[in-house]
Amino acid sequence: MRKRRGSAAGRMLLLAGVAMVAVGLAWSPFLPIIKDMWTSSFVLVTGGLTTIALAALHLAIDGRPAALPWPWTIATAFGMNAIAAYVLHMMTGHMVGWDLFLATYGATATVVSPPVAALVPILLYMALLWAFVAWLARKGWIVKI
């Protein structure tokens, strides 16, 4: 990605991902795709799928931050400050069990199914994390190691 810019880098990533998936699937009759054992065919297929996803994100996002719709700006904010989001999550992760978050579950469980209601506190927590990393992005601050 450093040697090739723009869509050429995305095409090379996509090609590499497709090749990895193809080799992993071709290898799977001899060494089955088994996640628990992390067989080489499993690693090739999952690594290839991840590389394909990276290529799609690279082609869709990189180089066009001003014209991105809101879901991509959320992903960009988390991507710019992933370390800050992780540290804040580790410091505040226990908050998901707080009464405020449980109250949102209780209120929504009467309206929607319990599995959907269980997502509400998590989505609220993720929104708080996003507000933090979006604030960092607006300030132009990027936390790095």
N, C-alpha and C. Protein backbone atom coordinates (compact mmCIF):
# COMPACT_ATOMS: atom_id res chain seq x y z
N MET A 1 0.82 -1.18 0.00
CA MET A 1 0.00 0.00 0.00
C MET A 1 0.86 1.25 0.00
N ARG A 2 2.09 1.14 0.46
CA ARG A 2 2.96 2.31 0.45
C ARG A 2 3.54 2.55 -0.94
N LYS A 3 3.79 1.48 -1.69
CA LYS A 3 4.37 1.63 -3.02
C LYS A 3 3.34 2.03 -4.05
N ARG A 4 2.12 1.52 -3.90
CA ARG A 4 1.05 1.86 -4.84
C ARG A 4 0.05 2.76 -4.12
N ARG A 5 -0.45 3.74 -4.81
CA ARG A 5 -1.40 4.67 -4.23
C ARG A 5 -2.78 4.49 -4.86
N GLY A 6 -3.80 4.92 -4.14
CA GLY A 6 -5.15 4.95 -4.67
C GLY A 6 -5.72 3.57 -4.93
N SER A 7 -6.45 3.48 -6.04
CA SER A 7 -7.15 2.23 -6.35
C SER A 7 -6.20 1.10 -6.74
N ALA A 8 -4.98 1.41 -7.16
CA ALA A 8 -4.02 0.35 -7.51
C ALA A 8 -3.67 -0.47 -6.27
N ALA A 9 -3.53 0.18 -5.12
CA ALA A 9 -3.25 -0.54 -3.88
C ALA A 9 -4.44 -1.39 -3.48
N GLY A 10 -5.64 -0.86 -3.65
CA GLY A 10 -6.84 -1.62 -3.32
C GLY A 10 -7.00 -2.84 -4.21
N ARG A 11 -6.69 -2.68 -5.48
CA ARG A 11 -6.78 -3.83 -6.41
C ARG A 11 -5.77 -4.90 -6.05
N MET A 12 -4.57 -4.51 -5.66
CA MET A 12 -3.56 -5.51 -5.27
C MET A 12 -3.98 -6.23 -3.99
N LEU A 13 -4.54 -5.50 -3.03
CA LEU A 13 -5.04 -6.13 -1.81
C LEU A 13 -6.17 -7.10 -2.13
N LEU A 14 -7.09 -6.67 -3.00
CA LEU A 14 -8.20 -7.53 -3.39
C LEU A 14 -7.69 -8.80 -4.07
N LEU A 15 -6.74 -8.66 -4.96
CA LEU A 15 -6.16 -9.81 -5.65
C LEU A 15 -5.48 -10.76 -4.66
N ALA A 16 -4.74 -10.20 -3.73
CA ALA A 16 -4.07 -11.04 -2.72
C ALA A 16 -5.09 -11.77 -1.85
N GLY A 17 -6.16 -11.09 -1.47
CA GLY A 17 -7.20 -11.71 -0.65
C GLY A 17 -7.90 -12.84 -1.38
N VAL A 18 -8.24 -12.61 -2.64
CA VAL A 18 -8.90 -13.65 -3.43
C VAL A 18 -7.97 -14.85 -3.61
N ALA A 19 -6.69 -14.58 -3.85
CA ALA A 19 -5.73 -15.67 -4.00
C ALA A 19 -5.61 -16.48 -2.71
N MET A 20 -5.59 -15.81 -1.57
CA MET A 20 -5.50 -16.53 -0.29
C MET A 20 -6.73 -17.41 -0.05
N VAL A 21 -7.91 -16.88 -0.35
CA VAL A 21 -9.13 -17.67 -0.19
C VAL A 21 -9.11 -18.87 -1.13
N ALA A 22 -8.70 -18.66 -2.37
CA ALA A 22 -8.66 -19.74 -3.36
C ALA A 22 -7.68 -20.84 -2.93
N VAL A 23 -6.51 -20.45 -2.48
CA VAL A 23 -5.51 -21.44 -2.04
C VAL A 23 -6.02 -22.17 -0.80
N GLY A 24 -6.63 -21.44 0.13
CA GLY A 24 -7.16 -22.07 1.34
C GLY A 24 -8.26 -23.07 1.03
N LEU A 25 -9.15 -22.72 0.09
CA LEU A 25 -10.22 -23.65 -0.29
C LEU A 25 -9.67 -24.85 -1.06
N ALA A 26 -8.66 -24.61 -1.91
CA ALA A 26 -8.05 -25.71 -2.64
C ALA A 26 -7.30 -26.65 -1.70
N TRP A 27 -6.75 -26.14 -0.64
CA TRP A 27 -5.98 -26.91 0.32
C TRP A 27 -6.89 -27.65 1.31
N SER A 28 -8.14 -27.17 1.46
CA SER A 28 -9.02 -27.71 2.50
C SER A 28 -9.38 -29.20 2.34
N PRO A 29 -9.41 -29.80 1.15
CA PRO A 29 -9.65 -31.25 1.12
C PRO A 29 -8.53 -32.06 1.77
N PHE A 30 -7.34 -31.52 1.78
CA PHE A 30 -6.19 -32.23 2.35
C PHE A 30 -6.00 -31.90 3.83
N LEU A 31 -6.28 -30.64 4.20
CA LEU A 31 -6.22 -30.20 5.58
C LEU A 31 -7.45 -29.34 5.82
N PRO A 32 -8.51 -29.93 6.42
CA PRO A 32 -9.79 -29.22 6.54
C PRO A 32 -9.69 -27.88 7.27
N ILE A 33 -10.66 -27.04 6.98
CA ILE A 33 -10.74 -25.73 7.62
C ILE A 33 -11.31 -25.94 9.03
N ILE A 34 -10.43 -25.89 10.02
CA ILE A 34 -10.83 -26.12 11.41
C ILE A 34 -10.32 -24.95 12.24
N LYS A 35 -11.28 -24.16 12.75
CA LYS A 35 -10.92 -22.99 13.52
C LYS A 35 -10.19 -23.34 14.81
N ASP A 36 -10.69 -24.31 15.54
CA ASP A 36 -10.10 -24.65 16.83
C ASP A 36 -8.63 -25.06 16.73
N MET A 37 -8.26 -25.64 15.59
CA MET A 37 -6.87 -26.07 15.40
C MET A 37 -6.04 -25.05 14.63
N TRP A 38 -6.68 -23.99 14.14
CA TRP A 38 -6.01 -22.99 13.33
C TRP A 38 -5.19 -23.65 12.21
N THR A 39 -5.86 -24.50 11.45
CA THR A 39 -5.18 -25.16 10.35
C THR A 39 -4.76 -24.13 9.31
N SER A 40 -3.80 -24.49 8.49
CA SER A 40 -3.32 -23.53 7.49
C SER A 40 -4.42 -23.15 6.51
N SER A 41 -5.32 -24.08 6.20
CA SER A 41 -6.42 -23.73 5.31
C SER A 41 -7.36 -22.72 5.98
N PHE A 42 -7.61 -22.86 7.28
CA PHE A 42 -8.42 -21.89 8.00
C PHE A 42 -7.77 -20.52 7.99
N VAL A 43 -6.47 -20.48 8.25
CA VAL A 43 -5.74 -19.21 8.28
C VAL A 43 -5.76 -18.55 6.91
N LEU A 44 -5.58 -19.33 5.85
CA LEU A 44 -5.61 -18.76 4.50
C LEU A 44 -6.98 -18.19 4.15
N VAL A 45 -8.03 -18.94 4.46
CA VAL A 45 -9.38 -18.47 4.12
C VAL A 45 -9.75 -17.23 4.93
N THR A 46 -9.57 -17.29 6.23
CA THR A 46 -9.95 -16.14 7.06
C THR A 46 -9.04 -14.93 6.81
N GLY A 47 -7.76 -15.19 6.61
CA GLY A 47 -6.86 -14.09 6.27
C GLY A 47 -7.21 -13.47 4.93
N GLY A 48 -7.59 -14.31 3.98
CA GLY A 48 -8.01 -13.80 2.67
C GLY A 48 -9.27 -12.98 2.75
N LEU A 49 -10.25 -13.46 3.53
CA LEU A 49 -11.49 -12.70 3.69
C LEU A 49 -11.23 -11.36 4.37
N THR A 50 -10.34 -11.35 5.35
CA THR A 50 -9.99 -10.10 6.02
C THR A 50 -9.27 -9.16 5.06
N THR A 51 -8.41 -9.69 4.22
CA THR A 51 -7.70 -8.87 3.25
C THR A 51 -8.67 -8.30 2.22
N ILE A 52 -9.67 -9.08 1.82
CA ILE A 52 -10.69 -8.58 0.90
C ILE A 52 -11.47 -7.44 1.56
N ALA A 53 -11.82 -7.60 2.85
CA ALA A 53 -12.52 -6.54 3.58
C ALA A 53 -11.66 -5.28 3.67
N LEU A 54 -10.36 -5.46 3.94
CA LEU A 54 -9.45 -4.32 4.00
C LEU A 54 -9.38 -3.62 2.65
N ALA A 55 -9.33 -4.38 1.56
CA ALA A 55 -9.30 -3.79 0.23
C ALA A 55 -10.58 -2.99 -0.04
N ALA A 56 -11.72 -3.54 0.34
CA ALA A 56 -12.98 -2.83 0.13
C ALA A 56 -13.02 -1.53 0.93
N LEU A 57 -12.57 -1.58 2.18
CA LEU A 57 -12.53 -0.37 3.00
C LEU A 57 -11.53 0.65 2.45
N HIS A 58 -10.40 0.16 1.98
CA HIS A 58 -9.39 1.06 1.40
C HIS A 58 -9.95 1.76 0.17
N LEU A 59 -10.62 1.01 -0.68
CA LEU A 59 -11.19 1.60 -1.88
C LEU A 59 -12.34 2.55 -1.56
N ALA A 60 -13.10 2.25 -0.53
CA ALA A 60 -14.27 3.07 -0.20
C ALA A 60 -13.92 4.31 0.62
N ILE A 61 -12.89 4.22 1.48
CA ILE A 61 -12.67 5.29 2.45
C ILE A 61 -11.44 6.13 2.17
N ASP A 62 -10.30 5.49 1.97
CA ASP A 62 -9.04 6.24 1.93
C ASP A 62 -9.04 7.28 0.82
N GLY A 63 -8.62 8.47 1.21
CA GLY A 63 -8.49 9.56 0.25
C GLY A 63 -9.75 10.37 0.06
N ARG A 64 -10.87 9.99 0.71
CA ARG A 64 -12.11 10.74 0.52
C ARG A 64 -12.78 11.06 1.86
N PRO A 65 -12.06 11.53 2.86
CA PRO A 65 -12.71 11.73 4.16
C PRO A 65 -13.78 12.80 4.18
N ALA A 66 -13.68 13.83 3.34
CA ALA A 66 -14.66 14.91 3.38
C ALA A 66 -16.01 14.51 2.80
N ALA A 67 -16.04 13.56 1.89
CA ALA A 67 -17.27 13.20 1.21
C ALA A 67 -17.91 11.94 1.76
N LEU A 68 -17.47 11.49 2.92
CA LEU A 68 -17.97 10.22 3.44
C LEU A 68 -19.31 10.39 4.14
N PRO A 69 -20.23 9.43 3.95
CA PRO A 69 -21.47 9.46 4.72
C PRO A 69 -21.20 9.13 6.18
N TRP A 70 -22.17 9.36 7.05
CA TRP A 70 -21.93 9.26 8.49
C TRP A 70 -21.43 7.91 8.97
N PRO A 71 -21.83 6.74 8.42
CA PRO A 71 -21.24 5.50 8.97
C PRO A 71 -19.73 5.44 8.77
N TRP A 72 -19.26 5.97 7.64
CA TRP A 72 -17.82 5.94 7.40
C TRP A 72 -17.09 6.92 8.29
N THR A 73 -17.72 8.05 8.61
CA THR A 73 -17.06 9.00 9.49
C THR A 73 -16.93 8.43 10.90
N ILE A 74 -17.91 7.60 11.32
CA ILE A 74 -17.80 6.93 12.61
C ILE A 74 -16.61 5.98 12.59
N ALA A 75 -16.50 5.19 11.52
CA ALA A 75 -15.39 4.25 11.40
C ALA A 75 -14.06 5.00 11.33
N THR A 76 -14.03 6.12 10.65
CA THR A 76 -12.80 6.90 10.53
C THR A 76 -12.39 7.45 11.89
N ALA A 77 -13.36 7.95 12.66
CA ALA A 77 -13.04 8.49 13.99
C ALA A 77 -12.45 7.39 14.89
N PHE A 78 -13.06 6.20 14.87
CA PHE A 78 -12.51 5.09 15.66
C PHE A 78 -11.15 4.66 15.12
N GLY A 79 -10.98 4.66 13.81
CA GLY A 79 -9.71 4.25 13.21
C GLY A 79 -8.58 5.21 13.52
N MET A 80 -8.89 6.50 13.56
CA MET A 80 -7.85 7.49 13.84
C MET A 80 -7.36 7.39 15.29
N ASN A 81 -8.23 7.04 16.19
CA ASN A 81 -7.88 7.01 17.60
C ASN A 81 -8.28 5.68 18.23
N ALA A 82 -7.90 4.59 17.59
CA ALA A 82 -8.24 3.27 18.10
C ALA A 82 -7.63 3.03 19.48
N ILE A 83 -6.42 3.49 19.69
CA ILE A 83 -5.76 3.29 20.98
C ILE A 83 -6.50 4.06 22.07
N ALA A 84 -6.90 5.29 21.77
CA ALA A 84 -7.63 6.08 22.76
C ALA A 84 -8.97 5.42 23.08
N ALA A 85 -9.66 4.91 22.06
CA ALA A 85 -10.94 4.23 22.29
C ALA A 85 -10.73 2.97 23.13
N TYR A 86 -9.67 2.23 22.86
CA TYR A 86 -9.39 1.01 23.62
C TYR A 86 -9.09 1.34 25.09
N VAL A 87 -8.26 2.34 25.31
CA VAL A 87 -7.90 2.71 26.69
C VAL A 87 -9.14 3.21 27.43
N LEU A 88 -9.96 4.02 26.77
CA LEU A 88 -11.17 4.50 27.43
C LEU A 88 -12.11 3.34 27.73
N HIS A 89 -12.20 2.39 26.79
CA HIS A 89 -13.04 1.21 27.04
C HIS A 89 -12.52 0.41 28.24
N MET A 90 -11.21 0.22 28.32
CA MET A 90 -10.65 -0.54 29.44
C MET A 90 -10.88 0.18 30.77
N MET A 91 -10.89 1.51 30.73
CA MET A 91 -11.10 2.27 31.96
C MET A 91 -12.57 2.35 32.35
N THR A 92 -13.47 2.26 31.38
CA THR A 92 -14.89 2.48 31.66
C THR A 92 -15.77 1.28 31.32
N GLY A 93 -15.19 0.16 30.93
CA GLY A 93 -15.97 -1.00 30.51
C GLY A 93 -16.92 -1.52 31.56
N HIS A 94 -16.60 -1.33 32.80
CA HIS A 94 -17.47 -1.79 33.88
C HIS A 94 -18.76 -0.98 33.96
N MET A 95 -18.83 0.16 33.28
CA MET A 95 -20.03 1.00 33.31
C MET A 95 -21.23 0.33 32.65
N VAL A 96 -21.01 -0.65 31.79
CA VAL A 96 -22.12 -1.29 31.09
C VAL A 96 -23.07 -1.93 32.10
N GLY A 97 -22.59 -2.32 33.24
CA GLY A 97 -23.43 -2.91 34.27
C GLY A 97 -24.10 -1.89 35.17
N TRP A 98 -23.83 -0.63 35.03
CA TRP A 98 -24.40 0.39 35.89
C TRP A 98 -25.91 0.47 35.73
N ASP A 99 -26.56 1.00 36.72
CA ASP A 99 -28.02 1.09 36.71
C ASP A 99 -28.56 1.88 35.53
N LEU A 100 -27.86 2.91 35.11
CA LEU A 100 -28.32 3.71 33.97
C LEU A 100 -28.44 2.84 32.72
N PHE A 101 -27.45 2.02 32.49
CA PHE A 101 -27.48 1.16 31.31
C PHE A 101 -28.51 0.05 31.47
N LEU A 102 -28.65 -0.48 32.68
CA LEU A 102 -29.64 -1.52 32.92
C LEU A 102 -31.05 -0.97 32.81
N ALA A 103 -31.23 0.28 33.17
CA ALA A 103 -32.55 0.91 33.05
C ALA A 103 -32.96 1.01 31.59
N THR A 104 -32.01 1.27 30.70
CA THR A 104 -32.35 1.33 29.28
C THR A 104 -32.78 -0.04 28.78
N TYR A 105 -32.17 -1.08 29.30
CA TYR A 105 -32.59 -2.43 28.93
C TYR A 105 -34.01 -2.69 29.41
N GLY A 106 -34.30 -2.36 30.66
CA GLY A 106 -35.63 -2.58 31.22
C GLY A 106 -36.70 -1.82 30.47
N ALA A 107 -36.37 -0.60 30.07
CA ALA A 107 -37.36 0.21 29.35
C ALA A 107 -37.61 -0.31 27.95
N THR A 108 -36.60 -0.80 27.29
CA THR A 108 -36.78 -1.26 25.91
C THR A 108 -37.23 -2.71 25.84
N ALA A 109 -37.01 -3.50 26.88
CA ALA A 109 -37.42 -4.90 26.86
C ALA A 109 -38.94 -5.05 26.83
N THR A 110 -39.65 -4.02 27.27
CA THR A 110 -41.10 -4.08 27.21
C THR A 110 -41.63 -3.80 25.81
N VAL A 111 -40.81 -3.18 24.98
CA VAL A 111 -41.24 -2.79 23.63
C VAL A 111 -40.72 -3.76 22.57
N VAL A 112 -39.49 -4.19 22.72
CA VAL A 112 -38.86 -5.08 21.74
C VAL A 112 -38.45 -6.38 22.43
N SER A 113 -37.98 -7.33 21.66
CA SER A 113 -37.57 -8.61 22.24
C SER A 113 -36.35 -8.43 23.13
N PRO A 114 -36.17 -9.29 24.14
CA PRO A 114 -35.02 -9.16 25.05
C PRO A 114 -33.66 -9.17 24.34
N PRO A 115 -33.44 -10.00 23.29
CA PRO A 115 -32.12 -9.91 22.63
C PRO A 115 -31.86 -8.55 21.99
N VAL A 116 -32.89 -7.94 21.43
CA VAL A 116 -32.72 -6.61 20.84
C VAL A 116 -32.53 -5.58 21.95
N ALA A 117 -33.29 -5.72 23.02
CA ALA A 117 -33.16 -4.79 24.15
C ALA A 117 -31.79 -4.88 24.79
N ALA A 118 -31.16 -6.05 24.75
CA ALA A 118 -29.82 -6.21 25.32
C ALA A 118 -28.78 -5.42 24.53
N LEU A 119 -29.07 -5.11 23.27
CA LEU A 119 -28.14 -4.31 22.47
C LEU A 119 -28.17 -2.83 22.83
N VAL A 120 -29.27 -2.37 23.39
CA VAL A 120 -29.43 -0.94 23.65
C VAL A 120 -28.35 -0.39 24.59
N PRO A 121 -28.08 -1.02 25.75
CA PRO A 121 -27.01 -0.48 26.60
C PRO A 121 -25.65 -0.49 25.91
N ILE A 122 -25.38 -1.51 25.12
CA ILE A 122 -24.09 -1.59 24.41
C ILE A 122 -24.00 -0.49 23.35
N LEU A 123 -25.09 -0.28 22.62
CA LEU A 123 -25.10 0.79 21.61
C LEU A 123 -24.94 2.15 22.26
N LEU A 124 -25.55 2.34 23.41
CA LEU A 124 -25.39 3.58 24.15
C LEU A 124 -23.93 3.77 24.58
N TYR A 125 -23.32 2.72 25.07
CA TYR A 125 -21.91 2.77 25.48
C TYR A 125 -21.00 3.06 24.28
N MET A 126 -21.28 2.40 23.15
CA MET A 126 -20.49 2.65 21.94
C MET A 126 -20.67 4.10 21.47
N ALA A 127 -21.87 4.63 21.62
CA ALA A 127 -22.10 6.04 21.24
C ALA A 127 -21.27 6.97 22.12
N LEU A 128 -21.15 6.64 23.39
CA LEU A 128 -20.31 7.46 24.27
C LEU A 128 -18.84 7.38 23.87
N LEU A 129 -18.37 6.17 23.54
CA LEU A 129 -16.99 6.03 23.07
C LEU A 129 -16.79 6.80 21.77
N TRP A 130 -17.78 6.70 20.87
CA TRP A 130 -17.66 7.42 19.61
C TRP A 130 -17.62 8.92 19.84
N ALA A 131 -18.43 9.43 20.76
CA ALA A 131 -18.42 10.87 21.03
C ALA A 131 -17.03 11.32 21.46
N PHE A 132 -16.36 10.48 22.24
CA PHE A 132 -15.01 10.82 22.68
C PHE A 132 -14.03 10.85 21.52
N VAL A 133 -14.01 9.79 20.69
CA VAL A 133 -13.04 9.75 19.59
C VAL A 133 -13.40 10.77 18.51
N ALA A 134 -14.68 11.09 18.34
CA ALA A 134 -15.07 12.12 17.38
C ALA A 134 -14.61 13.49 17.86
N TRP A 135 -14.68 13.72 19.17
CA TRP A 135 -14.17 14.96 19.73
C TRP A 135 -12.67 15.08 19.50
N LEU A 136 -11.94 13.98 19.72
CA LEU A 136 -10.51 13.98 19.45
C LEU A 136 -10.23 14.28 17.98
N ALA A 137 -11.02 13.69 17.08
CA ALA A 137 -10.82 13.90 15.65
C ALA A 137 -11.10 15.36 15.27
N ARG A 138 -12.16 15.95 15.84
CA ARG A 138 -12.46 17.35 15.54
C ARG A 138 -11.33 18.27 16.02
N LYS A 139 -10.72 17.92 17.13
CA LYS A 139 -9.58 18.71 17.65
C LYS A 139 -8.31 18.49 16.83
N GLY A 140 -8.32 17.41 16.03
CA GLY A 140 -7.12 17.08 15.25
C GLY A 140 -6.10 16.30 16.06
N TRP A 141 -6.52 15.75 17.19
CA TRP A 141 -5.62 15.00 18.06
C TRP A 141 -5.68 13.53 17.70
N ILE A 142 -4.51 12.92 17.55
CA ILE A 142 -4.41 11.49 17.28
C ILE A 142 -3.48 10.89 18.33
N VAL A 143 -4.01 9.96 19.10
CA VAL A 143 -3.23 9.31 20.14
C VAL A 143 -2.45 8.16 19.51
N LYS A 144 -1.13 8.20 19.67
CA LYS A 144 -0.25 7.18 19.10
C LYS A 144 0.69 6.66 20.15
N ILE A 145 1.25 5.48 19.87
CA ILE A 145 2.30 4.96 20.74
C ILE A 145 3.61 5.05 19.98
